[in-house]
Amino acid sequence: MAEITVTGNNFEKEVLGSDTPVLLDFWASWCGPCRMIAPVVAAIADECDGRVKVGKVNVDEQQELAAAFRVTSIPTLVVIKDGEVTSMSAGYKSKAEIKEMLGV
């Protein structure tokens, strides 16, 4: 499954209403580390299709969501299972580290 763009408008349906864990990637186009982690996040979206939903949150366009998650640096990765945050991490992470956060 491809990554989905998560916004304030679809957050409840795509994230809170998801029957699979959700990995949210808070990012911005001007962020170097965000560009470095993007292919890793995309690979996880492909490899974990059906087991994990991957959402991208552009912090410049979705400032309310970023504030709700207290995102102060990017990239920030957040794992949400059954509507609850189970893991949160700022900065670059390897594919193995992200999969460990997801429990896959």
PDB file of N, CA and C in Angstrom:
ATOM      1  N   MET A   1       0.840  -1.174   0.000  1.00  0.00           N
ATOM      2  CA  MET A   1       0.000   0.000   0.000  1.00  0.00           C
ATOM      3  C   MET A   1       0.892   1.247   0.000  1.00  0.00           C
ATOM      4  N   ALA A   2       0.510   2.192  -0.777  1.00  0.00           N
ATOM      5  CA  ALA A   2       1.264   3.436  -0.818  1.00  0.00           C
ATOM      6  C   ALA A   2       1.025   4.223   0.468  1.00  0.00           C
ATOM      7  N   GLU A   3       1.917   5.144   0.711  1.00  0.00           N
ATOM      8  CA  GLU A   3       1.732   6.038   1.844  1.00  0.00           C
ATOM      9  C   GLU A   3       0.509   6.917   1.567  1.00  0.00           C
ATOM     10  N   ILE A   4      -0.144   7.307   2.633  1.00  0.00           N
ATOM     11  CA  ILE A   4      -1.290   8.207   2.482  1.00  0.00           C
ATOM     12  C   ILE A   4      -0.944   9.548   3.117  1.00  0.00           C
ATOM     13  N   THR A   5      -1.540  10.594   2.603  1.00  0.00           N
ATOM     14  CA  THR A   5      -1.372  11.918   3.190  1.00  0.00           C
ATOM     15  C   THR A   5      -2.429  12.080   4.281  1.00  0.00           C
ATOM     16  N   VAL A   6      -1.960  12.344   5.490  1.00  0.00           N
ATOM     17  CA  VAL A   6      -2.878  12.499   6.621  1.00  0.00           C
ATOM     18  C   VAL A   6      -3.048  13.992   6.894  1.00  0.00           C
ATOM     19  N   THR A   7      -4.300  14.398   7.012  1.00  0.00           N
ATOM     20  CA  THR A   7      -4.641  15.793   7.295  1.00  0.00           C
ATOM     21  C   THR A   7      -5.603  15.836   8.470  1.00  0.00           C
ATOM     22  N   GLY A   8      -5.898  17.024   8.913  1.00  0.00           N
ATOM     23  CA  GLY A   8      -6.894  17.178   9.966  1.00  0.00           C
ATOM     24  C   GLY A   8      -8.249  16.647   9.537  1.00  0.00           C
ATOM     25  N   ASN A   9      -8.534  16.729   8.242  1.00  0.00           N
ATOM     26  CA  ASN A   9      -9.829  16.285   7.717  1.00  0.00           C
ATOM     27  C   ASN A   9      -9.990  14.767   7.704  1.00  0.00           C
ATOM     28  N   ASN A  10      -8.896  14.017   7.448  1.00  0.00           N
ATOM     29  CA  ASN A  10      -9.036  12.561   7.357  1.00  0.00           C
ATOM     30  C   ASN A  10      -8.386  11.812   8.522  1.00  0.00           C
ATOM     31  N   PHE A  11      -7.873  12.544   9.519  1.00  0.00           N
ATOM     32  CA  PHE A  11      -7.165  11.910  10.637  1.00  0.00           C
ATOM     33  C   PHE A  11      -8.029  10.883  11.364  1.00  0.00           C
ATOM     34  N   GLU A  12      -9.243  11.249  11.683  1.00  0.00           N
ATOM     35  CA  GLU A  12     -10.092  10.325  12.446  1.00  0.00           C
ATOM     36  C   GLU A  12     -10.342   9.038  11.672  1.00  0.00           C
ATOM     37  N   LYS A  13     -10.678   9.162  10.395  1.00  0.00           N
ATOM     38  CA  LYS A  13     -10.970   7.980   9.578  1.00  0.00           C
ATOM     39  C   LYS A  13      -9.725   7.130   9.336  1.00  0.00           C
ATOM     40  N   GLU A  14      -8.644   7.782   8.890  1.00  0.00           N
ATOM     41  CA  GLU A  14      -7.448   7.041   8.479  1.00  0.00           C
ATOM     42  C   GLU A  14      -6.595   6.547   9.638  1.00  0.00           C
ATOM     43  N   VAL A  15      -6.565   7.284  10.730  1.00  0.00           N
ATOM     44  CA  VAL A  15      -5.674   6.932  11.844  1.00  0.00           C
ATOM     45  C   VAL A  15      -6.456   6.325  13.003  1.00  0.00           C
ATOM     46  N   LEU A  16      -7.371   7.082  13.563  1.00  0.00           N
ATOM     47  CA  LEU A  16      -8.108   6.583  14.729  1.00  0.00           C
ATOM     48  C   LEU A  16      -9.022   5.418  14.356  1.00  0.00           C
ATOM     49  N   GLY A  17      -9.534   5.414  13.128  1.00  0.00           N
ATOM     50  CA  GLY A  17     -10.429   4.354  12.689  1.00  0.00           C
ATOM     51  C   GLY A  17      -9.736   3.179  12.032  1.00  0.00           C
ATOM     52  N   SER A  18      -8.410   3.184  12.001  1.00  0.00           N
ATOM     53  CA  SER A  18      -7.660   2.121  11.336  1.00  0.00           C
ATOM     54  C   SER A  18      -7.695   0.828  12.153  1.00  0.00           C
ATOM     55  N   ASP A  19      -7.874  -0.290  11.466  1.00  0.00           N
ATOM     56  CA  ASP A  19      -7.841  -1.584  12.155  1.00  0.00           C
ATOM     57  C   ASP A  19      -6.433  -2.176  12.181  1.00  0.00           C
ATOM     58  N   THR A  20      -5.467  -1.457  11.617  1.00  0.00           N
ATOM     59  CA  THR A  20      -4.060  -1.865  11.682  1.00  0.00           C
ATOM     60  C   THR A  20      -3.264  -0.725  12.323  1.00  0.00           C
ATOM     61  N   PRO A  21      -2.083  -1.035  12.866  1.00  0.00           N
ATOM     62  CA  PRO A  21      -1.250   0.042  13.420  1.00  0.00           C
ATOM     63  C   PRO A  21      -0.934   1.078  12.336  1.00  0.00           C
ATOM     64  N   VAL A  22      -0.765   2.318  12.757  1.00  0.00           N
ATOM     65  CA  VAL A  22      -0.460   3.410  11.829  1.00  0.00           C
ATOM     66  C   VAL A  22       0.889   4.023  12.203  1.00  0.00           C
ATOM     67  N   LEU A  23       1.745   4.173  11.197  1.00  0.00           N
ATOM     68  CA  LEU A  23       3.011   4.893  11.359  1.00  0.00           C
ATOM     69  C   LEU A  23       2.818   6.265  10.738  1.00  0.00           C
ATOM     70  N   LEU A  24       2.898   7.307  11.555  1.00  0.00           N
ATOM     71  CA  LEU A  24       2.806   8.679  11.053  1.00  0.00           C
ATOM     72  C   LEU A  24       4.203   9.258  10.948  1.00  0.00           C
ATOM     73  N   ASP A  25       4.503   9.809   9.782  1.00  0.00           N
ATOM     74  CA  ASP A  25       5.786  10.459   9.528  1.00  0.00           C
ATOM     75  C   ASP A  25       5.518  11.957   9.413  1.00  0.00           C
ATOM     76  N   PHE A  26       5.899  12.713  10.453  1.00  0.00           N
ATOM     77  CA  PHE A  26       5.776  14.167  10.429  1.00  0.00           C
ATOM     78  C   PHE A  26       7.025  14.716   9.739  1.00  0.00           C
ATOM     79  N   TRP A  27       6.836  15.461   8.646  1.00  0.00           N
ATOM     80  CA  TRP A  27       7.948  15.870   7.793  1.00  0.00           C
ATOM     81  C   TRP A  27       7.684  17.252   7.196  1.00  0.00           C
ATOM     82  N   ALA A  28       8.711  17.776   6.494  1.00  0.00           N
ATOM     83  CA  ALA A  28       8.580  19.005   5.715  1.00  0.00           C
ATOM     84  C   ALA A  28       9.516  18.908   4.518  1.00  0.00           C
ATOM     85  N   SER A  29       9.151  19.561   3.429  1.00  0.00           N
ATOM     86  CA  SER A  29       9.933  19.462   2.193  1.00  0.00           C
ATOM     87  C   SER A  29      11.333  20.056   2.336  1.00  0.00           C
ATOM     88  N   TRP A  30      11.513  21.021   3.218  1.00  0.00           N
ATOM     89  CA  TRP A  30      12.801  21.690   3.389  1.00  0.00           C
ATOM     90  C   TRP A  30      13.740  20.968   4.363  1.00  0.00           C
ATOM     91  N   CYS A  31      13.285  19.862   4.936  1.00  0.00           N
ATOM     92  CA  CYS A  31      14.021  19.145   5.994  1.00  0.00           C
ATOM     93  C   CYS A  31      14.910  18.049   5.388  1.00  0.00           C
ATOM     94  N   GLY A  32      16.224  18.216   5.523  1.00  0.00           N
ATOM     95  CA  GLY A  32      17.168  17.233   4.988  1.00  0.00           C
ATOM     96  C   GLY A  32      16.987  15.833   5.569  1.00  0.00           C
ATOM     97  N   PRO A  33      16.961  15.690   6.903  1.00  0.00           N
ATOM     98  CA  PRO A  33      16.759  14.354   7.475  1.00  0.00           C
ATOM     99  C   PRO A  33      15.418  13.730   7.057  1.00  0.00           C
ATOM    100  N   CYS A  34      14.400  14.570   6.823  1.00  0.00           N
ATOM    101  CA  CYS A  34      13.099  14.058   6.354  1.00  0.00           C
ATOM    102  C   CYS A  34      13.258  13.424   4.971  1.00  0.00           C
ATOM    103  N   ARG A  35      14.038  14.089   4.116  1.00  0.00           N
ATOM    104  CA  ARG A  35      14.272  13.539   2.769  1.00  0.00           C
ATOM    105  C   ARG A  35      15.093  12.256   2.850  1.00  0.00           C
ATOM    106  N   MET A  36      15.982  12.161   3.839  1.00  0.00           N
ATOM    107  CA  MET A  36      16.792  10.945   4.007  1.00  0.00           C
ATOM    108  C   MET A  36      15.937   9.763   4.461  1.00  0.00           C
ATOM    109  N   ILE A  37      14.979  10.009   5.338  1.00  0.00           N
ATOM    110  CA  ILE A  37      14.177   8.917   5.892  1.00  0.00           C
ATOM    111  C   ILE A  37      13.014   8.532   4.970  1.00  0.00           C
ATOM    112  N   ALA A  38      12.633   9.425   4.048  1.00  0.00           N
ATOM    113  CA  ALA A  38      11.473   9.178   3.186  1.00  0.00           C
ATOM    114  C   ALA A  38      11.527   7.843   2.440  1.00  0.00           C
ATOM    115  N   PRO A  39      12.664   7.469   1.817  1.00  0.00           N
ATOM    116  CA  PRO A  39      12.683   6.169   1.122  1.00  0.00           C
ATOM    117  C   PRO A  39      12.566   4.981   2.083  1.00  0.00           C
ATOM    118  N   VAL A  40      13.061   5.141   3.304  1.00  0.00           N
ATOM    119  CA  VAL A  40      12.957   4.074   4.305  1.00  0.00           C
ATOM    120  C   VAL A  40      11.489   3.890   4.702  1.00  0.00           C
ATOM    121  N   VAL A  41      10.797   4.997   4.927  1.00  0.00           N
ATOM    122  CA  VAL A  41       9.375   4.944   5.290  1.00  0.00           C
ATOM    123  C   VAL A  41       8.563   4.361   4.131  1.00  0.00           C
ATOM    124  N   ALA A  42       8.905   4.754   2.902  1.00  0.00           N
ATOM    125  CA  ALA A  42       8.198   4.223   1.725  1.00  0.00           C
ATOM    126  C   ALA A  42       8.406   2.715   1.599  1.00  0.00           C
ATOM    127  N   ALA A  43       9.620   2.246   1.876  1.00  0.00           N
ATOM    128  CA  ALA A  43       9.906   0.809   1.807  1.00  0.00           C
ATOM    129  C   ALA A  43       9.095   0.045   2.850  1.00  0.00           C
ATOM    130  N   ILE A  44       8.959   0.616   4.043  1.00  0.00           N
ATOM    131  CA  ILE A  44       8.156  -0.032   5.085  1.00  0.00           C
ATOM    132  C   ILE A  44       6.689  -0.087   4.654  1.00  0.00           C
ATOM    133  N   ALA A  45       6.205   0.982   4.027  1.00  0.00           N
ATOM    134  CA  ALA A  45       4.819   0.998   3.531  1.00  0.00           C
ATOM    135  C   ALA A  45       4.594  -0.157   2.558  1.00  0.00           C
ATOM    136  N   ASP A  46       5.574  -0.409   1.688  1.00  0.00           N
ATOM    137  CA  ASP A  46       5.446  -1.505   0.722  1.00  0.00           C
ATOM    138  C   ASP A  46       5.578  -2.868   1.398  1.00  0.00           C
ATOM    139  N   GLU A  47       6.597  -3.015   2.235  1.00  0.00           N
ATOM    140  CA  GLU A  47       6.878  -4.314   2.869  1.00  0.00           C
ATOM    141  C   GLU A  47       5.802  -4.736   3.860  1.00  0.00           C
ATOM    142  N   CYS A  48       5.198  -3.788   4.533  1.00  0.00           N
ATOM    143  CA  CYS A  48       4.228  -4.097   5.589  1.00  0.00           C
ATOM    144  C   CYS A  48       2.796  -3.863   5.132  1.00  0.00           C
ATOM    145  N   ASP A  49       2.576  -3.848   3.828  1.00  0.00           N
ATOM    146  CA  ASP A  49       1.243  -3.610   3.281  1.00  0.00           C
ATOM    147  C   ASP A  49       0.239  -4.585   3.879  1.00  0.00           C
ATOM    148  N   GLY A  50      -0.857  -4.052   4.387  1.00  0.00           N
ATOM    149  CA  GLY A  50      -1.890  -4.884   4.993  1.00  0.00           C
ATOM    150  C   GLY A  50      -1.714  -5.075   6.490  1.00  0.00           C
ATOM    151  N   ARG A  51      -0.476  -4.906   6.960  1.00  0.00           N
ATOM    152  CA  ARG A  51      -0.204  -5.065   8.399  1.00  0.00           C
ATOM    153  C   ARG A  51      -0.033  -3.726   9.093  1.00  0.00           C
ATOM    154  N   VAL A  52       0.392  -2.710   8.321  1.00  0.00           N
ATOM    155  CA  VAL A  52       0.651  -1.380   8.858  1.00  0.00           C
ATOM    156  C   VAL A  52       0.193  -0.353   7.834  1.00  0.00           C
ATOM    157  N   LYS A  53      -0.401   0.720   8.304  1.00  0.00           N
ATOM    158  CA  LYS A  53      -0.752   1.844   7.437  1.00  0.00           C
ATOM    159  C   LYS A  53       0.286   2.936   7.682  1.00  0.00           C
ATOM    160  N   VAL A  54       0.786   3.528   6.607  1.00  0.00           N
ATOM    161  CA  VAL A  54       1.795   4.577   6.730  1.00  0.00           C
ATOM    162  C   VAL A  54       1.211   5.898   6.249  1.00  0.00           C
ATOM    163  N   GLY A  55       1.232   6.882   7.136  1.00  0.00           N
ATOM    164  CA  GLY A  55       0.703   8.202   6.817  1.00  0.00           C
ATOM    165  C   GLY A  55       1.782   9.260   6.898  1.00  0.00           C
ATOM    166  N   LYS A  56       1.736  10.192   5.962  1.00  0.00           N
ATOM    167  CA  LYS A  56       2.676  11.310   5.933  1.00  0.00           C
ATOM    168  C   LYS A  56       1.929  12.568   6.362  1.00  0.00           C
ATOM    169  N   VAL A  57       2.510  13.315   7.300  1.00  0.00           N
ATOM    170  CA  VAL A  57       1.911  14.557   7.783  1.00  0.00           C
ATOM    171  C   VAL A  57       2.904  15.692   7.516  1.00  0.00           C
ATOM    172  N   ASN A  58       2.548  16.565   6.585  1.00  0.00           N
ATOM    173  CA  ASN A  58       3.381  17.725   6.278  1.00  0.00           C
ATOM    174  C   ASN A  58       3.146  18.770   7.372  1.00  0.00           C
ATOM    175  N   VAL A  59       4.182  19.034   8.162  1.00  0.00           N
ATOM    176  CA  VAL A  59       4.008  19.917   9.318  1.00  0.00           C
ATOM    177  C   VAL A  59       3.730  21.368   8.915  1.00  0.00           C
ATOM    178  N   ASP A  60       4.155  21.766   7.728  1.00  0.00           N
ATOM    179  CA  ASP A  60       3.876  23.130   7.269  1.00  0.00           C
ATOM    180  C   ASP A  60       2.401  23.301   6.916  1.00  0.00           C
ATOM    181  N   GLU A  61       1.792  22.244   6.399  1.00  0.00           N
ATOM    182  CA  GLU A  61       0.390  22.304   5.987  1.00  0.00           C
ATOM    183  C   GLU A  61      -0.571  21.867   7.092  1.00  0.00           C
ATOM    184  N   GLN A  62      -0.087  21.083   8.050  1.00  0.00           N
ATOM    185  CA  GLN A  62      -0.931  20.519   9.105  1.00  0.00           C
ATOM    186  C   GLN A  62      -0.385  20.904  10.479  1.00  0.00           C
ATOM    187  N   GLN A  63      -0.304  22.200  10.717  1.00  0.00           N
ATOM    188  CA  GLN A  63       0.282  22.689  11.961  1.00  0.00           C
ATOM    189  C   GLN A  63      -0.510  22.266  13.187  1.00  0.00           C
ATOM    190  N   GLU A  64      -1.830  22.141  13.045  1.00  0.00           N
ATOM    191  CA  GLU A  64      -2.654  21.733  14.179  1.00  0.00           C
ATOM    192  C   GLU A  64      -2.343  20.293  14.597  1.00  0.00           C
ATOM    193  N   LEU A  65      -2.176  19.402  13.609  1.00  0.00           N
ATOM    194  CA  LEU A  65      -1.839  18.006  13.924  1.00  0.00           C
ATOM    195  C   LEU A  65      -0.466  17.933  14.569  1.00  0.00           C
ATOM    196  N   ALA A  66       0.490  18.670  14.010  1.00  0.00           N
ATOM    197  CA  ALA A  66       1.843  18.669  14.578  1.00  0.00           C
ATOM    198  C   ALA A  66       1.803  19.165  16.022  1.00  0.00           C
ATOM    199  N   ALA A  67       1.027  20.201  16.282  1.00  0.00           N
ATOM    200  CA  ALA A  67       0.917  20.719  17.645  1.00  0.00           C
ATOM    201  C   ALA A  67       0.235  19.718  18.569  1.00  0.00           C
ATOM    202  N   ALA A  68      -0.778  19.025  18.063  1.00  0.00           N
ATOM    203  CA  ALA A  68      -1.497  18.043  18.880  1.00  0.00           C
ATOM    204  C   ALA A  68      -0.566  16.921  19.338  1.00  0.00           C
ATOM    205  N   PHE A  69       0.430  16.584  18.503  1.00  0.00           N
ATOM    206  CA  PHE A  69       1.382  15.533  18.860  1.00  0.00           C
ATOM    207  C   PHE A  69       2.660  16.107  19.475  1.00  0.00           C
ATOM    208  N   ARG A  70       2.652  17.413  19.731  1.00  0.00           N
ATOM    209  CA  ARG A  70       3.806  18.096  20.330  1.00  0.00           C
ATOM    210  C   ARG A  70       5.090  17.848  19.536  1.00  0.00           C
ATOM    211  N   VAL A  71       4.977  17.900  18.217  1.00  0.00           N
ATOM    212  CA  VAL A  71       6.136  17.716  17.349  1.00  0.00           C
ATOM    213  C   VAL A  71       6.965  18.995  17.393  1.00  0.00           C
ATOM    214  N   THR A  72       8.192  18.880  17.899  1.00  0.00           N
ATOM    215  CA  THR A  72       9.076  20.033  17.988  1.00  0.00           C
ATOM    216  C   THR A  72      10.275  19.917  17.068  1.00  0.00           C
ATOM    217  N   SER A  73      10.554  18.731  16.561  1.00  0.00           N
ATOM    218  CA  SER A  73      11.616  18.547  15.583  1.00  0.00           C
ATOM    219  C   SER A  73      11.159  17.472  14.602  1.00  0.00           C
ATOM    220  N   ILE A  74      11.700  17.550  13.407  1.00  0.00           N
ATOM    221  CA  ILE A  74      11.308  16.591  12.370  1.00  0.00           C
ATOM    222  C   ILE A  74      12.554  15.982  11.753  1.00  0.00           C
ATOM    223  N   PRO A  75      12.467  14.775  11.222  1.00  0.00           N
ATOM    224  CA  PRO A  75      11.260  13.957  11.193  1.00  0.00           C
ATOM    225  C   PRO A  75      10.899  13.413  12.583  1.00  0.00           C
ATOM    226  N   THR A  76       9.612  13.320  12.817  1.00  0.00           N
ATOM    227  CA  THR A  76       9.105  12.646  14.008  1.00  0.00           C
ATOM    228  C   THR A  76       8.215  11.510  13.534  1.00  0.00           C
ATOM    229  N   LEU A  77       8.460  10.324  14.071  1.00  0.00           N
ATOM    230  CA  LEU A  77       7.662   9.150  13.745  1.00  0.00           C
ATOM    231  C   LEU A  77       6.798   8.796  14.947  1.00  0.00           C
ATOM    232  N   VAL A  78       5.527   8.543  14.692  1.00  0.00           N
ATOM    233  CA  VAL A  78       4.586   8.194  15.752  1.00  0.00           C
ATOM    234  C   VAL A  78       3.861   6.919  15.344  1.00  0.00           C
ATOM    235  N   VAL A  79       3.812   5.953  16.259  1.00  0.00           N
ATOM    236  CA  VAL A  79       3.061   4.721  16.016  1.00  0.00           C
ATOM    237  C   VAL A  79       1.788   4.779  16.847  1.00  0.00           C
ATOM    238  N   ILE A  80       0.656   4.560  16.172  1.00  0.00           N
ATOM    239  CA  ILE A  80      -0.651   4.576  16.834  1.00  0.00           C
ATOM    240  C   ILE A  80      -1.335   3.238  16.613  1.00  0.00           C
ATOM    241  N   LYS A  81      -1.693   2.582  17.714  1.00  0.00           N
ATOM    242  CA  LYS A  81      -2.422   1.307  17.647  1.00  0.00           C
ATOM    243  C   LYS A  81      -3.703   1.468  18.439  1.00  0.00           C
ATOM    244  N   ASP A  82      -4.815   1.099  17.825  1.00  0.00           N
ATOM    245  CA  ASP A  82      -6.122   1.197  18.481  1.00  0.00           C
ATOM    246  C   ASP A  82      -6.381   2.600  19.039  1.00  0.00           C
ATOM    247  N   GLY A  83      -5.965   3.614  18.283  1.00  0.00           N
ATOM    248  CA  GLY A  83      -6.213   4.992  18.676  1.00  0.00           C
ATOM    249  C   GLY A  83      -5.275   5.543  19.735  1.00  0.00           C
ATOM    250  N   GLU A  84      -4.299   4.747  20.188  1.00  0.00           N
ATOM    251  CA  GLU A  84      -3.377   5.164  21.239  1.00  0.00           C
ATOM    252  C   GLU A  84      -1.950   5.250  20.705  1.00  0.00           C
ATOM    253  N   VAL A  85      -1.217   6.277  21.112  1.00  0.00           N
ATOM    254  CA  VAL A  85       0.190   6.391  20.743  1.00  0.00           C
ATOM    255  C   VAL A  85       0.979   5.348  21.533  1.00  0.00           C
ATOM    256  N   THR A  86       1.667   4.458  20.812  1.00  0.00           N
ATOM    257  CA  THR A  86       2.455   3.420  21.481  1.00  0.00           C
ATOM    258  C   THR A  86       3.951   3.697  21.407  1.00  0.00           C
ATOM    259  N   SER A  87       4.352   4.560  20.462  1.00  0.00           N
ATOM    260  CA  SER A  87       5.767   4.864  20.300  1.00  0.00           C
ATOM    261  C   SER A  87       5.908   6.183  19.565  1.00  0.00           C
ATOM    262  N   MET A  88       6.944   6.931  19.934  1.00  0.00           N
ATOM    263  CA  MET A  88       7.203   8.219  19.283  1.00  0.00           C
ATOM    264  C   MET A  88       8.696   8.468  19.300  1.00  0.00           C
ATOM    265  N   SER A  89       9.233   8.922  18.164  1.00  0.00           N
ATOM    266  CA  SER A  89      10.670   9.124  18.079  1.00  0.00           C
ATOM    267  C   SER A  89      10.985  10.242  17.094  1.00  0.00           C
ATOM    268  N   ALA A  90      11.911  11.109  17.471  1.00  0.00           N
ATOM    269  CA  ALA A  90      12.338  12.195  16.593  1.00  0.00           C
ATOM    270  C   ALA A  90      13.711  11.873  16.018  1.00  0.00           C
ATOM    271  N   GLY A  91      13.937  12.330  14.784  1.00  0.00           N
ATOM    272  CA  GLY A  91      15.229  12.125  14.136  1.00  0.00           C
ATOM    273  C   GLY A  91      15.234  10.913  13.232  1.00  0.00           C
ATOM    274  N   TYR A  92      16.334  10.773  12.507  1.00  0.00           N
ATOM    275  CA  TYR A  92      16.472   9.674  11.555  1.00  0.00           C
ATOM    276  C   TYR A  92      16.509   8.336  12.281  1.00  0.00           C
ATOM    277  N   LYS A  93      15.829   7.361  11.730  1.00  0.00           N
ATOM    278  CA  LYS A  93      15.844   5.986  12.247  1.00  0.00           C
ATOM    279  C   LYS A  93      16.076   5.037  11.071  1.00  0.00           C
ATOM    280  N   SER A  94      16.742   3.928  11.352  1.00  0.00           N
ATOM    281  CA  SER A  94      16.944   2.910  10.316  1.00  0.00           C
ATOM    282  C   SER A  94      15.652   2.122  10.124  1.00  0.00           C
ATOM    283  N   LYS A  95      15.600   1.363   9.039  1.00  0.00           N
ATOM    284  CA  LYS A  95      14.423   0.539   8.784  1.00  0.00           C
ATOM    285  C   LYS A  95      14.197  -0.439   9.932  1.00  0.00           C
ATOM    286  N   ALA A  96      15.259  -1.035  10.434  1.00  0.00           N
ATOM    287  CA  ALA A  96      15.135  -1.990  11.546  1.00  0.00           C
ATOM    288  C   ALA A  96      14.578  -1.311  12.798  1.00  0.00           C
ATOM    289  N   GLU A  97      15.032  -0.102  13.080  1.00  0.00           N
ATOM    290  CA  GLU A  97      14.558   0.625  14.258  1.00  0.00           C
ATOM    291  C   GLU A  97      13.070   0.973  14.118  1.00  0.00           C
ATOM    292  N   ILE A  98      12.659   1.363  12.914  1.00  0.00           N
ATOM    293  CA  ILE A  98      11.256   1.701  12.698  1.00  0.00           C
ATOM    294  C   ILE A  98      10.392   0.449  12.803  1.00  0.00           C
ATOM    295  N   LYS A  99      10.855  -0.662  12.226  1.00  0.00           N
ATOM    296  CA  LYS A  99      10.090  -1.909  12.321  1.00  0.00           C
ATOM    297  C   LYS A  99       9.972  -2.348  13.777  1.00  0.00           C
ATOM    298  N   GLU A 100      11.016  -2.116  14.564  1.00  0.00           N
ATOM    299  CA  GLU A 100      10.965  -2.454  15.997  1.00  0.00           C
ATOM    300  C   GLU A 100       9.907  -1.595  16.699  1.00  0.00           C
ATOM    301  N   MET A 101       9.830  -0.305  16.345  1.00  0.00           N
ATOM    302  CA  MET A 101       8.793   0.568  16.905  1.00  0.00           C
ATOM    303  C   MET A 101       7.404   0.022  16.592  1.00  0.00           C
ATOM    304  N   LEU A 102       7.254  -0.511  15.368  1.00  0.00           N
ATOM    305  CA  LEU A 102       5.967  -1.028  14.917  1.00  0.00           C
ATOM    306  C   LEU A 102       5.647  -2.424  15.453  1.00  0.00           C
ATOM    307  N   GLY A 103       6.686  -3.126  15.873  1.00  0.00           N
ATOM    308  CA  GLY A 103       6.498  -4.503  16.332  1.00  0.00           C
ATOM    309  C   GLY A 103       6.281  -5.481  15.201  1.00  0.00           C
ATOM    310  N   VAL A 104       6.893  -5.198  14.040  1.00  0.00           N
ATOM    311  CA  VAL A 104       6.771  -6.108  12.881  1.00  0.00           C
ATOM    312  C   VAL A 104       8.130  -6.629  12.462  1.00  0.00           C
TER     313      VAL A 104
END
